[in-house]
Amino acid sequence: MTLVSAHGEELLLARRGDEFFVLDSVCSHALGYLDQGTLVGCEIECPLHDGRFDLRTGRATRDPAVDPIRAYQVRVEGTAILVGPAKS
């Protein structure tokens, strides 16, 4: 996981196997930077209070996180990782 800049914002880029995911970089619960968290299956765990978010949707999956974070469309072209608009 790493922080990247796209759309004028700092975002989280995560890789799981051959898939790439881009989400908001900050936890919606306690402003923890998610790049300092842990990947657990298809979830990112916040380093501050262990709330979790689904990498694919940004949905909060474990308390104390209840509000989702934005997940963005991602496309890989060669060695470039392209970030599209937030998913609906």
C-alpha atoms as a PDB file:
ATOM      1  CA  MET A   1       0.000   0.000   0.000  1.00  0.00           C
ATOM      2  CA  THR A   2       1.119   3.518  -0.698  1.00  0.00           C
ATOM      3  CA  LEU A   3      -0.182   7.047  -0.972  1.00  0.00           C
ATOM      4  CA  VAL A   4      -0.605   8.487  -4.472  1.00  0.00           C
ATOM      5  CA  SER A   5      -1.822  11.798  -5.819  1.00  0.00           C
ATOM      6  CA  ALA A   6      -4.763  11.781  -8.234  1.00  0.00           C
ATOM      7  CA  HIS A   7      -7.626  14.193  -8.905  1.00  0.00           C
ATOM      8  CA  GLY A   8      -5.801  16.738  -6.730  1.00  0.00           C
ATOM      9  CA  GLU A   9      -6.118  14.480  -3.687  1.00  0.00           C
ATOM     10  CA  GLU A  10      -3.913  12.114  -1.737  1.00  0.00           C
ATOM     11  CA  LEU A  11      -5.348   8.607  -2.182  1.00  0.00           C
ATOM     12  CA  LEU A  12      -4.522   5.090  -1.037  1.00  0.00           C
ATOM     13  CA  LEU A  13      -3.283   2.636  -3.666  1.00  0.00           C
ATOM     14  CA  ALA A  14      -3.472  -0.988  -2.550  1.00  0.00           C
ATOM     15  CA  ARG A  15      -2.591  -4.159  -4.397  1.00  0.00           C
ATOM     16  CA  ARG A  16      -3.964  -7.591  -3.673  1.00  0.00           C
ATOM     17  CA  GLY A  17      -2.583 -10.209  -6.052  1.00  0.00           C
ATOM     18  CA  ASP A  18      -3.010  -8.827  -9.557  1.00  0.00           C
ATOM     19  CA  GLU A  19      -5.752  -6.379  -8.573  1.00  0.00           C
ATOM     20  CA  PHE A  20      -5.270  -2.720  -7.721  1.00  0.00           C
ATOM     21  CA  PHE A  21      -7.614  -0.628  -5.587  1.00  0.00           C
ATOM     22  CA  VAL A  22      -7.728   3.112  -4.956  1.00  0.00           C
ATOM     23  CA  LEU A  23      -9.614   4.573  -1.990  1.00  0.00           C
ATOM     24  CA  ASP A  24      -9.661   7.667   0.144  1.00  0.00           C
ATOM     25  CA  SER A  25      -6.468   7.648   2.193  1.00  0.00           C
ATOM     26  CA  VAL A  26      -7.982   8.621   5.546  1.00  0.00           C
ATOM     27  CA  CYS A  27     -10.316   6.634   7.808  1.00  0.00           C
ATOM     28  CA  SER A  28     -13.814   8.118   8.060  1.00  0.00           C
ATOM     29  CA  HIS A  29     -13.899   7.426  11.800  1.00  0.00           C
ATOM     30  CA  ALA A  30     -10.722   8.830  13.311  1.00  0.00           C
ATOM     31  CA  LEU A  31      -8.612  10.396  10.568  1.00  0.00           C
ATOM     32  CA  GLY A  32      -6.049   7.575  10.592  1.00  0.00           C
ATOM     33  CA  TYR A  33      -3.903   7.239   7.478  1.00  0.00           C
ATOM     34  CA  LEU A  34      -4.892   3.938   5.927  1.00  0.00           C
ATOM     35  CA  ASP A  35      -1.532   3.360   4.214  1.00  0.00           C
ATOM     36  CA  GLN A  36      -0.220   2.696   7.736  1.00  0.00           C
ATOM     37  CA  GLY A  37      -2.921   0.074   8.276  1.00  0.00           C
ATOM     38  CA  THR A  38      -3.051  -3.610   7.435  1.00  0.00           C
ATOM     39  CA  LEU A  39      -4.553  -5.537   4.539  1.00  0.00           C
ATOM     40  CA  VAL A  40      -6.823  -8.301   5.829  1.00  0.00           C
ATOM     41  CA  GLY A  41      -8.242 -10.269   2.912  1.00  0.00           C
ATOM     42  CA  CYS A  42     -10.178  -7.737   0.820  1.00  0.00           C
ATOM     43  CA  GLU A  43     -10.263  -5.181   3.626  1.00  0.00           C
ATOM     44  CA  ILE A  44      -8.009  -2.404   4.872  1.00  0.00           C
ATOM     45  CA  GLU A  45      -7.776  -2.070   8.649  1.00  0.00           C
ATOM     46  CA  CYS A  46      -7.244   1.386  10.136  1.00  0.00           C
ATOM     47  CA  PRO A  47      -4.123   1.603  12.318  1.00  0.00           C
ATOM     48  CA  LEU A  48      -5.853   3.714  14.995  1.00  0.00           C
ATOM     49  CA  HIS A  49      -8.984   1.849  16.091  1.00  0.00           C
ATOM     50  CA  ASP A  50      -9.089  -1.280  13.882  1.00  0.00           C
ATOM     51  CA  GLY A  51     -12.114  -0.195  11.837  1.00  0.00           C
ATOM     52  CA  ARG A  52     -12.145  -1.837   8.415  1.00  0.00           C
ATOM     53  CA  PHE A  53     -13.190  -0.931   4.880  1.00  0.00           C
ATOM     54  CA  ASP A  54     -13.860  -3.103   1.833  1.00  0.00           C
ATOM     55  CA  LEU A  55     -11.179  -2.472  -0.796  1.00  0.00           C
ATOM     56  CA  ARG A  56     -13.669  -2.941  -3.635  1.00  0.00           C
ATOM     57  CA  THR A  57     -16.419  -0.613  -2.441  1.00  0.00           C
ATOM     58  CA  GLY A  58     -15.095   1.527   0.429  1.00  0.00           C
ATOM     59  CA  ARG A  59     -17.939   0.239   2.626  1.00  0.00           C
ATOM     60  CA  ALA A  60     -17.204   0.239   6.368  1.00  0.00           C
ATOM     61  CA  THR A  61     -17.140  -3.402   7.490  1.00  0.00           C
ATOM     62  CA  ARG A  62     -16.104  -3.246  11.142  1.00  0.00           C
ATOM     63  CA  ASP A  63     -16.771  -0.876  14.024  1.00  0.00           C
ATOM     64  CA  PRO A  64     -15.934   1.715  15.035  1.00  0.00           C
ATOM     65  CA  ALA A  65     -15.921   2.700  11.343  1.00  0.00           C
ATOM     66  CA  VAL A  66     -19.499   3.120  10.139  1.00  0.00           C
ATOM     67  CA  ASP A  67     -19.249   5.700   7.340  1.00  0.00           C
ATOM     68  CA  PRO A  68     -17.843   4.522   4.003  1.00  0.00           C
ATOM     69  CA  ILE A  69     -14.850   6.008   2.233  1.00  0.00           C
ATOM     70  CA  ARG A  70     -14.766   6.606  -1.513  1.00  0.00           C
ATOM     71  CA  ALA A  71     -13.490   3.845  -3.771  1.00  0.00           C
ATOM     72  CA  TYR A  72     -12.305   4.858  -7.227  1.00  0.00           C
ATOM     73  CA  GLN A  73     -12.379   3.173 -10.601  1.00  0.00           C
ATOM     74  CA  VAL A  74      -8.974   1.713 -11.522  1.00  0.00           C
ATOM     75  CA  ARG A  75      -7.608   0.590 -14.869  1.00  0.00           C
ATOM     76  CA  VAL A  76      -4.148  -0.814 -15.585  1.00  0.00           C
ATOM     77  CA  GLU A  77      -2.569  -0.037 -18.969  1.00  0.00           C
ATOM     78  CA  GLY A  78       0.881  -1.556 -19.284  1.00  0.00           C
ATOM     79  CA  THR A  79       2.793  -0.257 -16.282  1.00  0.00           C
ATOM     80  CA  ALA A  80       0.446   2.704 -15.691  1.00  0.00           C
ATOM     81  CA  ILE A  81      -2.299   2.613 -13.060  1.00  0.00           C
ATOM     82  CA  LEU A  82      -5.082   4.961 -14.097  1.00  0.00           C
ATOM     83  CA  VAL A  83      -7.528   6.326 -11.537  1.00  0.00           C
ATOM     84  CA  GLY A  84     -11.023   7.214 -12.683  1.00  0.00           C
ATOM     85  CA  PRO A  85     -13.885   8.880 -10.859  1.00  0.00           C
ATOM     86  CA  ALA A  86     -15.256   7.585  -7.583  1.00  0.00           C
ATOM     87  CA  LYS A  87     -17.549   4.589  -7.881  1.00  0.00           C
ATOM     88  CA  SER A  88     -21.251   5.186  -7.368  1.00  0.00           C
END
